[in-house]
PDB file of all heavy atoms in Angstrom:
ATOM      1  N   GLU A   1     -23.816  10.015 -13.355  1.00  0.00           N
ATOM      2  CA  GLU A   1     -23.717  10.631 -14.644  1.00  0.00           C
ATOM      3  C   GLU A   1     -23.293  12.110 -14.550  1.00  0.00           C
ATOM      4  O   GLU A   1     -22.526  12.660 -15.370  1.00  0.00           O
ATOM      5  CB  GLU A   1     -25.071  10.466 -15.360  1.00  0.00           C
ATOM      6  CG  GLU A   1     -25.407   9.033 -15.721  1.00  0.00           C
ATOM      7  CD  GLU A   1     -26.791   8.835 -16.303  1.00  0.00           C
ATOM      8  OE1 GLU A   1     -27.709   9.710 -15.909  1.00  0.00           O
ATOM      9  OE2 GLU A   1     -26.999   7.888 -17.099  1.00  0.00           O
ATOM     10  N   LYS A   2     -23.882  12.787 -13.589  1.00  0.00           N
ATOM     11  CA  LYS A   2     -23.546  14.209 -13.356  1.00  0.00           C
ATOM     12  C   LYS A   2     -22.065  14.384 -13.063  1.00  0.00           C
ATOM     13  O   LYS A   2     -21.428  15.297 -13.628  1.00  0.00           O
ATOM     14  CB  LYS A   2     -24.407  14.732 -12.206  1.00  0.00           C
ATOM     15  CG  LYS A   2     -24.118  16.167 -11.801  1.00  0.00           C
ATOM     16  CD  LYS A   2     -25.025  16.591 -10.629  1.00  0.00           C
ATOM     17  CE  LYS A   2     -24.692  17.931 -10.100  1.00  0.00           C
ATOM     18  NZ  LYS A   2     -23.413  17.907  -9.326  1.00  0.00           N
ATOM     19  N   GLN A   3     -21.567  13.490 -12.281  1.00  0.00           N
ATOM     20  CA  GLN A   3     -20.177  13.609 -11.851  1.00  0.00           C
ATOM     21  C   GLN A   3     -19.235  13.285 -13.074  1.00  0.00           C
ATOM     22  O   GLN A   3     -18.179  13.978 -13.208  1.00  0.00           O
ATOM     23  CB  GLN A   3     -19.844  12.711 -10.702  1.00  0.00           C
ATOM     24  CG  GLN A   3     -18.504  12.968  -9.951  1.00  0.00           C
ATOM     25  CD  GLN A   3     -18.441  12.299  -8.668  1.00  0.00           C
ATOM     26  OE1 GLN A   3     -19.315  12.340  -7.788  1.00  0.00           O
ATOM     27  NE2 GLN A   3     -17.316  11.506  -8.468  1.00  0.00           N
ATOM     28  N   ILE A   4     -19.577  12.365 -13.870  1.00  0.00           N
ATOM     29  CA  ILE A   4     -18.836  12.037 -15.106  1.00  0.00           C
ATOM     30  C   ILE A   4     -18.771  13.219 -16.064  1.00  0.00           C
ATOM     31  O   ILE A   4     -17.798  13.620 -16.594  1.00  0.00           O
ATOM     32  CB  ILE A   4     -19.289  10.780 -15.777  1.00  0.00           C
ATOM     33  CG1 ILE A   4     -18.990   9.490 -14.921  1.00  0.00           C
ATOM     34  CG2 ILE A   4     -18.703  10.614 -17.136  1.00  0.00           C
ATOM     35  CD1 ILE A   4     -19.538   8.200 -15.407  1.00  0.00           C
ATOM     36  N   LEU A   5     -19.964  13.868 -16.137  1.00  0.00           N
ATOM     37  CA  LEU A   5     -20.021  15.040 -17.049  1.00  0.00           C
ATOM     38  C   LEU A   5     -19.138  16.151 -16.496  1.00  0.00           C
ATOM     39  O   LEU A   5     -18.560  16.930 -17.313  1.00  0.00           O
ATOM     40  CB  LEU A   5     -21.489  15.554 -17.153  1.00  0.00           C
ATOM     41  CG  LEU A   5     -22.420  14.716 -18.027  1.00  0.00           C
ATOM     42  CD1 LEU A   5     -23.817  15.237 -17.902  1.00  0.00           C
ATOM     43  CD2 LEU A   5     -21.994  14.800 -19.497  1.00  0.00           C
ATOM     44  N   GLU A   6     -19.011  16.227 -15.232  1.00  0.00           N
ATOM     45  CA  GLU A   6     -18.075  17.183 -14.682  1.00  0.00           C
ATOM     46  C   GLU A   6     -16.654  16.851 -14.634  1.00  0.00           C
ATOM     47  O   GLU A   6     -15.779  17.527 -14.175  1.00  0.00           O
ATOM     48  CB  GLU A   6     -18.541  17.536 -13.163  1.00  0.00           C
ATOM     49  CG  GLU A   6     -19.929  18.175 -13.158  1.00  0.00           C
ATOM     50  CD  GLU A   6     -20.442  18.159 -11.715  1.00  0.00           C
ATOM     51  OE1 GLU A   6     -19.927  17.530 -10.806  1.00  0.00           O
ATOM     52  OE2 GLU A   6     -21.508  18.888 -11.484  1.00  0.00           O
ATOM     53  N   LYS A   7     -16.321  15.563 -15.221  1.00  0.00           N
ATOM     54  CA  LYS A   7     -14.988  14.997 -15.304  1.00  0.00           C
ATOM     55  C   LYS A   7     -14.357  14.811 -13.891  1.00  0.00           C
ATOM     56  O   LYS A   7     -13.170  14.956 -13.749  1.00  0.00           O
ATOM     57  CB  LYS A   7     -14.160  15.889 -16.157  1.00  0.00           C
ATOM     58  CG  LYS A   7     -14.564  16.041 -17.584  1.00  0.00           C
ATOM     59  CD  LYS A   7     -13.584  16.687 -18.514  1.00  0.00           C
ATOM     60  CE  LYS A   7     -14.131  16.913 -19.846  1.00  0.00           C
ATOM     61  NZ  LYS A   7     -14.547  15.659 -20.605  1.00  0.00           N
ATOM     62  N   ASN A   8     -15.219  14.561 -12.895  1.00  0.00           N
ATOM     63  CA  ASN A   8     -14.750  14.203 -11.622  1.00  0.00           C
ATOM     64  C   ASN A   8     -15.053  12.693 -11.383  1.00  0.00           C
ATOM     65  O   ASN A   8     -16.146  12.222 -11.321  1.00  0.00           O
ATOM     66  CB  ASN A   8     -15.504  15.000 -10.568  1.00  0.00           C
ATOM     67  CG  ASN A   8     -15.085  14.610  -9.154  1.00  0.00           C
ATOM     68  OD1 ASN A   8     -14.224  13.740  -8.938  1.00  0.00           O
ATOM     69  ND2 ASN A   8     -15.760  15.127  -8.112  1.00  0.00           N
ATOM     70  N   TYR A   9     -13.863  11.948 -11.457  1.00  0.00           N
ATOM     71  CA  TYR A   9     -14.092  10.448 -11.438  1.00  0.00           C
ATOM     72  C   TYR A   9     -13.740   9.744 -10.067  1.00  0.00           C
ATOM     73  O   TYR A   9     -13.563   8.580 -10.071  1.00  0.00           O
ATOM     74  CB  TYR A   9     -13.094   9.868 -12.518  1.00  0.00           C
ATOM     75  CG  TYR A   9     -13.334  10.530 -13.903  1.00  0.00           C
ATOM     76  CD1 TYR A   9     -12.228  10.943 -14.593  1.00  0.00           C
ATOM     77  CD2 TYR A   9     -14.588  10.672 -14.409  1.00  0.00           C
ATOM     78  CE1 TYR A   9     -12.376  11.586 -15.784  1.00  0.00           C
ATOM     79  CE2 TYR A   9     -14.792  11.292 -15.684  1.00  0.00           C
ATOM     80  CZ  TYR A   9     -13.696  11.722 -16.361  1.00  0.00           C
ATOM     81  OH  TYR A   9     -13.869  12.321 -17.605  1.00  0.00           O
ATOM     82  N   ARG A  10     -13.673  10.659  -9.035  1.00  0.00           N
ATOM     83  CA  ARG A  10     -13.422  10.076  -7.748  1.00  0.00           C
ATOM     84  C   ARG A  10     -14.649   9.540  -7.102  1.00  0.00           C
ATOM     85  O   ARG A  10     -15.659  10.221  -6.903  1.00  0.00           O
ATOM     86  CB  ARG A  10     -12.927  11.232  -6.804  1.00  0.00           C
ATOM     87  CG  ARG A  10     -11.487  11.706  -7.101  1.00  0.00           C
ATOM     88  CD  ARG A  10     -11.071  12.861  -6.300  1.00  0.00           C
ATOM     89  NE  ARG A  10     -11.370  12.692  -4.850  1.00  0.00           N
ATOM     90  CZ  ARG A  10     -10.470  12.126  -4.043  1.00  0.00           C
ATOM     91  NH1 ARG A  10      -9.289  11.695  -4.424  1.00  0.00           N
ATOM     92  NH2 ARG A  10     -10.759  12.000  -2.671  1.00  0.00           N
ATOM     93  N   LEU A  11     -14.670   8.214  -6.899  1.00  0.00           N
ATOM     94  CA  LEU A  11     -15.759   7.450  -6.282  1.00  0.00           C
ATOM     95  C   LEU A  11     -16.136   8.012  -4.912  1.00  0.00           C
ATOM     96  O   LEU A  11     -17.314   8.104  -4.537  1.00  0.00           O
ATOM     97  CB  LEU A  11     -15.470   6.019  -6.275  1.00  0.00           C
ATOM     98  CG  LEU A  11     -16.652   5.064  -5.877  1.00  0.00           C
ATOM     99  CD1 LEU A  11     -17.910   5.346  -6.714  1.00  0.00           C
ATOM    100  CD2 LEU A  11     -16.218   3.591  -6.014  1.00  0.00           C
ATOM    101  N   ARG A  12     -15.083   8.392  -4.174  1.00  0.00           N
ATOM    102  CA  ARG A  12     -15.297   8.868  -2.878  1.00  0.00           C
ATOM    103  C   ARG A  12     -16.106  10.200  -2.834  1.00  0.00           C
ATOM    104  O   ARG A  12     -16.964  10.421  -1.977  1.00  0.00           O
ATOM    105  CB  ARG A  12     -13.946   9.154  -2.182  1.00  0.00           C
ATOM    106  CG  ARG A  12     -13.994   9.774  -0.754  1.00  0.00           C
ATOM    107  CD  ARG A  12     -14.541   8.804   0.227  1.00  0.00           C
ATOM    108  NE  ARG A  12     -14.581   9.405   1.622  1.00  0.00           N
ATOM    109  CZ  ARG A  12     -13.668   9.190   2.483  1.00  0.00           C
ATOM    110  NH1 ARG A  12     -12.625   8.400   2.249  1.00  0.00           N
ATOM    111  NH2 ARG A  12     -13.825   9.729   3.722  1.00  0.00           N
ATOM    112  N   ASP A  13     -15.914  11.075  -3.845  1.00  0.00           N
ATOM    113  CA  ASP A  13     -16.712  12.305  -3.910  1.00  0.00           C
ATOM    114  C   ASP A  13     -18.149  12.018  -4.229  1.00  0.00           C
ATOM    115  O   ASP A  13     -18.990  12.837  -3.818  1.00  0.00           O
ATOM    116  CB  ASP A  13     -16.090  13.127  -5.115  1.00  0.00           C
ATOM    117  CG  ASP A  13     -14.755  13.717  -4.732  1.00  0.00           C
ATOM    118  OD1 ASP A  13     -14.335  13.626  -3.576  1.00  0.00           O
ATOM    119  OD2 ASP A  13     -14.101  14.389  -5.620  1.00  0.00           O
ATOM    120  N   LEU A  14     -18.488  10.877  -4.803  1.00  0.00           N
ATOM    121  CA  LEU A  14     -19.900  10.555  -5.100  1.00  0.00           C
ATOM    122  C   LEU A  14     -20.720  10.501  -3.801  1.00  0.00           C
ATOM    123  O   LEU A  14     -21.881  10.737  -3.747  1.00  0.00           O
ATOM    124  CB  LEU A  14     -19.987   9.248  -5.883  1.00  0.00           C
ATOM    125  CG  LEU A  14     -21.332   8.726  -6.199  1.00  0.00           C
ATOM    126  CD1 LEU A  14     -22.050   9.657  -7.207  1.00  0.00           C
ATOM    127  CD2 LEU A  14     -21.291   7.248  -6.718  1.00  0.00           C
ATOM    128  N   LEU A  15     -20.022   9.982  -2.721  1.00  0.00           N
ATOM    129  CA  LEU A  15     -20.677   9.774  -1.432  1.00  0.00           C
ATOM    130  C   LEU A  15     -21.168  11.052  -0.746  1.00  0.00           C
ATOM    131  O   LEU A  15     -22.128  11.016   0.040  1.00  0.00           O
ATOM    132  CB  LEU A  15     -19.820   8.986  -0.524  1.00  0.00           C
ATOM    133  CG  LEU A  15     -19.178   7.712  -1.052  1.00  0.00           C
ATOM    134  CD1 LEU A  15     -18.302   7.042  -0.023  1.00  0.00           C
ATOM    135  CD2 LEU A  15     -20.253   6.790  -1.612  1.00  0.00           C
ATOM    136  N   THR A  16     -20.561  12.176  -1.127  1.00  0.00           N
ATOM    137  CA  THR A  16     -20.909  13.504  -0.417  1.00  0.00           C
ATOM    138  C   THR A  16     -22.292  13.909  -0.850  1.00  0.00           C
ATOM    139  O   THR A  16     -22.909  14.757  -0.175  1.00  0.00           O
ATOM    140  CB  THR A  16     -19.884  14.523  -0.678  1.00  0.00           C
ATOM    141  OG1 THR A  16     -19.874  14.809  -2.080  1.00  0.00           O
ATOM    142  CG2 THR A  16     -18.513  14.082  -0.291  1.00  0.00           C
ATOM    143  N   GLU A  17     -22.748  13.450  -1.937  1.00  0.00           N
ATOM    144  CA  GLU A  17     -24.105  13.804  -2.385  1.00  0.00           C
ATOM    145  C   GLU A  17     -25.125  12.639  -2.411  1.00  0.00           C
ATOM    146  O   GLU A  17     -26.262  12.804  -2.928  1.00  0.00           O
ATOM    147  CB  GLU A  17     -24.011  14.328  -3.822  1.00  0.00           C
ATOM    148  CG  GLU A  17     -23.243  15.587  -4.031  1.00  0.00           C
ATOM    149  CD  GLU A  17     -23.403  16.296  -5.407  1.00  0.00           C
ATOM    150  OE1 GLU A  17     -24.634  16.427  -5.782  1.00  0.00           O
ATOM    151  OE2 GLU A  17     -22.480  16.550  -6.052  1.00  0.00           O
ATOM    152  N   SER A  18     -24.767  11.672  -1.694  1.00  0.00           N
ATOM    153  CA  SER A  18     -25.610  10.430  -1.703  1.00  0.00           C
ATOM    154  C   SER A  18     -26.168  10.097  -0.322  1.00  0.00           C
ATOM    155  O   SER A  18     -25.637  10.446   0.651  1.00  0.00           O
ATOM    156  CB  SER A  18     -24.760   9.205  -2.194  1.00  0.00           C
ATOM    157  OG  SER A  18     -24.205   9.486  -3.434  1.00  0.00           O
ATOM    158  N   ASN A  19     -27.270   9.306  -0.296  1.00  0.00           N
ATOM    159  CA  ASN A  19     -27.832   8.718   0.931  1.00  0.00           C
ATOM    160  C   ASN A  19     -27.079   7.451   1.152  1.00  0.00           C
ATOM    161  O   ASN A  19     -27.331   6.468   0.388  1.00  0.00           O
ATOM    162  CB  ASN A  19     -29.356   8.506   0.816  1.00  0.00           C
ATOM    163  CG  ASN A  19     -30.052   9.843   0.499  1.00  0.00           C
ATOM    164  OD1 ASN A  19     -29.679  10.909   0.995  1.00  0.00           O
ATOM    165  ND2 ASN A  19     -31.152   9.695  -0.229  1.00  0.00           N
ATOM    166  N   VAL A  20     -26.362   7.289   2.214  1.00  0.00           N
ATOM    167  CA  VAL A  20     -25.444   6.170   2.422  1.00  0.00           C
ATOM    168  C   VAL A  20     -25.645   5.562   3.755  1.00  0.00           C
ATOM    169  O   VAL A  20     -25.698   6.294   4.739  1.00  0.00           O
ATOM    170  CB  VAL A  20     -23.965   6.622   2.225  1.00  0.00           C
ATOM    171  CG1 VAL A  20     -23.032   5.334   2.329  1.00  0.00           C
ATOM    172  CG2 VAL A  20     -23.679   7.244   0.821  1.00  0.00           C
ATOM    173  N   PHE A  21     -25.775   4.193   3.849  1.00  0.00           N
ATOM    174  CA  PHE A  21     -25.622   3.503   5.098  1.00  0.00           C
ATOM    175  C   PHE A  21     -24.143   3.167   5.326  1.00  0.00           C
ATOM    176  O   PHE A  21     -23.480   2.699   4.352  1.00  0.00           O
ATOM    177  CB  PHE A  21     -26.327   2.071   4.953  1.00  0.00           C
ATOM    178  CG  PHE A  21     -27.788   2.120   5.203  1.00  0.00           C
ATOM    179  CD1 PHE A  21     -28.630   1.858   4.125  1.00  0.00           C
ATOM    180  CD2 PHE A  21     -28.379   2.398   6.414  1.00  0.00           C
ATOM    181  CE1 PHE A  21     -29.986   1.842   4.284  1.00  0.00           C
ATOM    182  CE2 PHE A  21     -29.768   2.475   6.533  1.00  0.00           C
ATOM    183  CZ  PHE A  21     -30.543   2.181   5.508  1.00  0.00           C
ATOM    184  N   TYR A  22     -23.567   3.535   6.457  1.00  0.00           N
ATOM    185  CA  TYR A  22     -22.265   3.090   6.827  1.00  0.00           C
ATOM    186  C   TYR A  22     -22.237   1.972   7.845  1.00  0.00           C
ATOM    187  O   TYR A  22     -22.775   2.152   8.935  1.00  0.00           O
ATOM    188  CB  TYR A  22     -21.450   4.292   7.327  1.00  0.00           C
ATOM    189  CG  TYR A  22     -21.055   5.265   6.236  1.00  0.00           C
ATOM    190  CD1 TYR A  22     -21.670   6.555   6.114  1.00  0.00           C
ATOM    191  CD2 TYR A  22     -20.090   4.896   5.216  1.00  0.00           C
ATOM    192  CE1 TYR A  22     -21.287   7.384   5.097  1.00  0.00           C
ATOM    193  CE2 TYR A  22     -19.806   5.664   4.227  1.00  0.00           C
ATOM    194  CZ  TYR A  22     -20.351   6.914   4.180  1.00  0.00           C
ATOM    195  OH  TYR A  22     -20.035   7.825   3.139  1.00  0.00           O
ATOM    196  N   LEU A  23     -21.649   0.859   7.486  1.00  0.00           N
ATOM    197  CA  LEU A  23     -21.561  -0.284   8.449  1.00  0.00           C
ATOM    198  C   LEU A  23     -20.093  -0.227   8.986  1.00  0.00           C
ATOM    199  O   LEU A  23     -19.098  -0.257   8.290  1.00  0.00           O
ATOM    200  CB  LEU A  23     -21.721  -1.556   7.648  1.00  0.00           C
ATOM    201  CG  LEU A  23     -21.511  -2.834   8.448  1.00  0.00           C
ATOM    202  CD1 LEU A  23     -22.559  -2.986   9.557  1.00  0.00           C
ATOM    203  CD2 LEU A  23     -21.675  -4.062   7.552  1.00  0.00           C
ATOM    204  N   GLU A  24     -20.059  -0.142  10.334  1.00  0.00           N
ATOM    205  CA  GLU A  24     -18.722  -0.069  10.958  1.00  0.00           C
ATOM    206  C   GLU A  24     -17.975  -1.368  10.857  1.00  0.00           C
ATOM    207  O   GLU A  24     -18.527  -2.483  11.134  1.00  0.00           O
ATOM    208  CB  GLU A  24     -18.911   0.331  12.464  1.00  0.00           C
ATOM    209  CG  GLU A  24     -19.593   1.645  12.688  1.00  0.00           C
ATOM    210  CD  GLU A  24     -18.901   2.839  11.998  1.00  0.00           C
ATOM    211  OE1 GLU A  24     -17.680   2.741  11.843  1.00  0.00           O
ATOM    212  OE2 GLU A  24     -19.611   3.762  11.575  1.00  0.00           O
ATOM    213  N   GLU A  25     -16.735  -1.319  10.479  1.00  0.00           N
ATOM    214  CA  GLU A  25     -15.884  -2.438  10.194  1.00  0.00           C
ATOM    215  C   GLU A  25     -15.815  -3.413  11.437  1.00  0.00           C
ATOM    216  O   GLU A  25     -15.862  -4.637  11.331  1.00  0.00           O
ATOM    217  CB  GLU A  25     -14.564  -2.041   9.717  1.00  0.00           C
ATOM    218  CG  GLU A  25     -13.618  -3.220   9.419  1.00  0.00           C
ATOM    219  CD  GLU A  25     -12.227  -2.744   9.058  1.00  0.00           C
ATOM    220  OE1 GLU A  25     -11.796  -1.738   9.641  1.00  0.00           O
ATOM    221  OE2 GLU A  25     -11.587  -3.407   8.261  1.00  0.00           O
ATOM    222  N   ASN A  26     -15.759  -2.778  12.606  1.00  0.00           N
ATOM    223  CA  ASN A  26     -15.590  -3.586  13.847  1.00  0.00           C
ATOM    224  C   ASN A  26     -16.833  -4.516  14.104  1.00  0.00           C
ATOM    225  O   ASN A  26     -16.679  -5.381  14.885  1.00  0.00           O
ATOM    226  CB  ASN A  26     -15.333  -2.690  15.047  1.00  0.00           C
ATOM    227  CG  ASN A  26     -13.939  -2.197  15.033  1.00  0.00           C
ATOM    228  OD1 ASN A  26     -13.026  -2.762  14.404  1.00  0.00           O
ATOM    229  ND2 ASN A  26     -13.744  -1.136  15.775  1.00  0.00           N
ATOM    230  N   SER A  27     -17.964  -4.210  13.447  1.00  0.00           N
ATOM    231  CA  SER A  27     -19.163  -4.999  13.696  1.00  0.00           C
ATOM    232  C   SER A  27     -19.076  -6.301  12.820  1.00  0.00           C
ATOM    233  O   SER A  27     -20.005  -7.097  13.000  1.00  0.00           O
ATOM    234  CB  SER A  27     -20.376  -4.236  13.398  1.00  0.00           C
ATOM    235  OG  SER A  27     -20.556  -4.018  11.969  1.00  0.00           O
ATOM    236  N   LEU A  28     -18.124  -6.431  11.964  1.00  0.00           N
ATOM    237  CA  LEU A  28     -18.104  -7.525  10.994  1.00  0.00           C
ATOM    238  C   LEU A  28     -17.599  -8.873  11.530  1.00  0.00           C
ATOM    239  O   LEU A  28     -17.803  -9.871  10.993  1.00  0.00           O
ATOM    240  CB  LEU A  28     -17.342  -7.112   9.714  1.00  0.00           C
ATOM    241  CG  LEU A  28     -17.924  -6.101   8.779  1.00  0.00           C
ATOM    242  CD1 LEU A  28     -16.924  -5.678   7.767  1.00  0.00           C
ATOM    243  CD2 LEU A  28     -19.236  -6.574   8.227  1.00  0.00           C
ATOM    244  N   GLY A  29     -16.853  -8.752  12.668  1.00  0.00           N
ATOM    245  CA  GLY A  29     -16.311  -9.961  13.206  1.00  0.00           C
ATOM    246  C   GLY A  29     -15.260 -10.568  12.241  1.00  0.00           C
ATOM    247  O   GLY A  29     -14.467  -9.920  11.616  1.00  0.00           O
ATOM    248  N   GLU A  30     -15.418 -11.848  12.011  1.00  0.00           N
ATOM    249  CA  GLU A  30     -14.362 -12.518  11.053  1.00  0.00           C
ATOM    250  C   GLU A  30     -14.591 -12.111   9.640  1.00  0.00           C
ATOM    251  O   GLU A  30     -13.613 -12.302   8.846  1.00  0.00           O
ATOM    252  CB  GLU A  30     -14.608 -14.100  11.212  1.00  0.00           C
ATOM    253  CG  GLU A  30     -14.265 -14.707  12.587  1.00  0.00           C
ATOM    254  CD  GLU A  30     -14.461 -16.210  12.603  1.00  0.00           C
ATOM    255  OE1 GLU A  30     -14.925 -16.694  11.621  1.00  0.00           O
ATOM    256  OE2 GLU A  30     -14.102 -16.726  13.654  1.00  0.00           O
ATOM    257  N   LEU A  31     -15.723 -11.506   9.293  1.00  0.00           N
ATOM    258  CA  LEU A  31     -15.894 -11.076   7.915  1.00  0.00           C
ATOM    259  C   LEU A  31     -14.988  -9.963   7.542  1.00  0.00           C
ATOM    260  O   LEU A  31     -14.867  -9.627   6.379  1.00  0.00           O
ATOM    261  CB  LEU A  31     -17.376 -10.729   7.700  1.00  0.00           C
ATOM    262  CG  LEU A  31     -18.358 -11.836   7.722  1.00  0.00           C
ATOM    263  CD1 LEU A  31     -19.781 -11.249   7.645  1.00  0.00           C
ATOM    264  CD2 LEU A  31     -18.094 -12.864   6.604  1.00  0.00           C
ATOM    265  N   LYS A  32     -14.309  -9.350   8.584  1.00  0.00           N
ATOM    266  CA  LYS A  32     -13.409  -8.270   8.182  1.00  0.00           C
ATOM    267  C   LYS A  32     -12.269  -8.731   7.295  1.00  0.00           C
ATOM    268  O   LYS A  32     -11.747  -7.917   6.488  1.00  0.00           O
ATOM    269  CB  LYS A  32     -12.765  -7.713   9.472  1.00  0.00           C
ATOM    270  CG  LYS A  32     -13.642  -6.846  10.352  1.00  0.00           C
ATOM    271  CD  LYS A  32     -12.929  -6.016  11.387  1.00  0.00           C
ATOM    272  CE  LYS A  32     -12.238  -6.938  12.386  1.00  0.00           C
ATOM    273  NZ  LYS A  32     -11.584  -6.120  13.478  1.00  0.00           N
ATOM    274  N   SER A  33     -11.876  -9.988   7.341  1.00  0.00           N
ATOM    275  CA  SER A  33     -10.829 -10.502   6.542  1.00  0.00           C
ATOM    276  C   SER A  33     -11.118 -10.413   5.035  1.00  0.00           C
ATOM    277  O   SER A  33     -10.232 -10.390   4.141  1.00  0.00           O
ATOM    278  CB  SER A  33     -10.491 -11.918   6.886  1.00  0.00           C
ATOM    279  OG  SER A  33     -11.612 -12.836   6.644  1.00  0.00           O
ATOM    280  N   CYS A  34     -12.444 -10.340   4.749  1.00  0.00           N
ATOM    281  CA  CYS A  34     -12.877 -10.232   3.305  1.00  0.00           C
ATOM    282  C   CYS A  34     -12.332  -8.912   2.679  1.00  0.00           C
ATOM    283  O   CYS A  34     -12.235  -8.813   1.474  1.00  0.00           O
ATOM    284  CB  CYS A  34     -14.324 -10.292   3.209  1.00  0.00           C
ATOM    285  SG  CYS A  34     -15.045 -11.901   3.676  1.00  0.00           S
ATOM    286  N   LEU A  35     -12.080  -7.905   3.512  1.00  0.00           N
ATOM    287  CA  LEU A  35     -11.721  -6.584   3.034  1.00  0.00           C
ATOM    288  C   LEU A  35     -10.284  -6.417   2.707  1.00  0.00           C
ATOM    289  O   LEU A  35      -9.751  -5.376   2.251  1.00  0.00           O
ATOM    290  CB  LEU A  35     -12.141  -5.533   4.020  1.00  0.00           C
ATOM    291  CG  LEU A  35     -13.673  -5.388   4.252  1.00  0.00           C
ATOM    292  CD1 LEU A  35     -13.973  -4.503   5.496  1.00  0.00           C
ATOM    293  CD2 LEU A  35     -14.349  -4.956   2.993  1.00  0.00           C
ATOM    294  N   ILE A  36      -9.476  -7.443   3.019  1.00  0.00           N
ATOM    295  CA  ILE A  36      -8.000  -7.374   2.749  1.00  0.00           C
ATOM    296  C   ILE A  36      -7.818  -7.290   1.208  1.00  0.00           C
ATOM    297  O   ILE A  36      -8.306  -8.183   0.503  1.00  0.00           O
ATOM    298  CB  ILE A  36      -7.294  -8.628   3.303  1.00  0.00           C
ATOM    299  CG1 ILE A  36      -7.414  -8.624   4.797  1.00  0.00           C
ATOM    300  CG2 ILE A  36      -5.889  -8.665   2.895  1.00  0.00           C
ATOM    301  CD1 ILE A  36      -6.888  -9.956   5.503  1.00  0.00           C
ATOM    302  N   ASN A  37      -7.100  -6.178   0.854  1.00  0.00           N
ATOM    303  CA  ASN A  37      -6.825  -6.133  -0.567  1.00  0.00           C
ATOM    304  C   ASN A  37      -5.249  -6.160  -0.904  1.00  0.00           C
ATOM    305  O   ASN A  37      -4.469  -5.860  -0.010  1.00  0.00           O
ATOM    306  CB  ASN A  37      -7.377  -4.879  -1.190  1.00  0.00           C
ATOM    307  CG  ASN A  37      -6.791  -3.567  -0.555  1.00  0.00           C
ATOM    308  OD1 ASN A  37      -6.540  -3.475   0.629  1.00  0.00           O
ATOM    309  ND2 ASN A  37      -6.559  -2.592  -1.466  1.00  0.00           N
ATOM    310  N   ILE A  38      -4.917  -6.541  -2.001  1.00  0.00           N
ATOM    311  CA  ILE A  38      -3.529  -6.713  -2.400  1.00  0.00           C
ATOM    312  C   ILE A  38      -3.106  -5.679  -3.386  1.00  0.00           C
ATOM    313  O   ILE A  38      -3.712  -5.594  -4.528  1.00  0.00           O
ATOM    314  CB  ILE A  38      -3.315  -8.142  -3.030  1.00  0.00           C
ATOM    315  CG1 ILE A  38      -3.793  -9.275  -2.087  1.00  0.00           C
ATOM    316  CG2 ILE A  38      -1.861  -8.393  -3.386  1.00  0.00           C
ATOM    317  CD1 ILE A  38      -3.198  -9.185  -0.821  1.00  0.00           C
TER     318      ILE A  38
END
């Protein structure tokens, strides 16, 4: 809500102020194929 009020709509920018778990892609095995986007 704060970011929208500031008219900053970049989802990536939201992460700089958030508590985030990062899961490394290489740990996914065959599940990596789920991330293919068109």
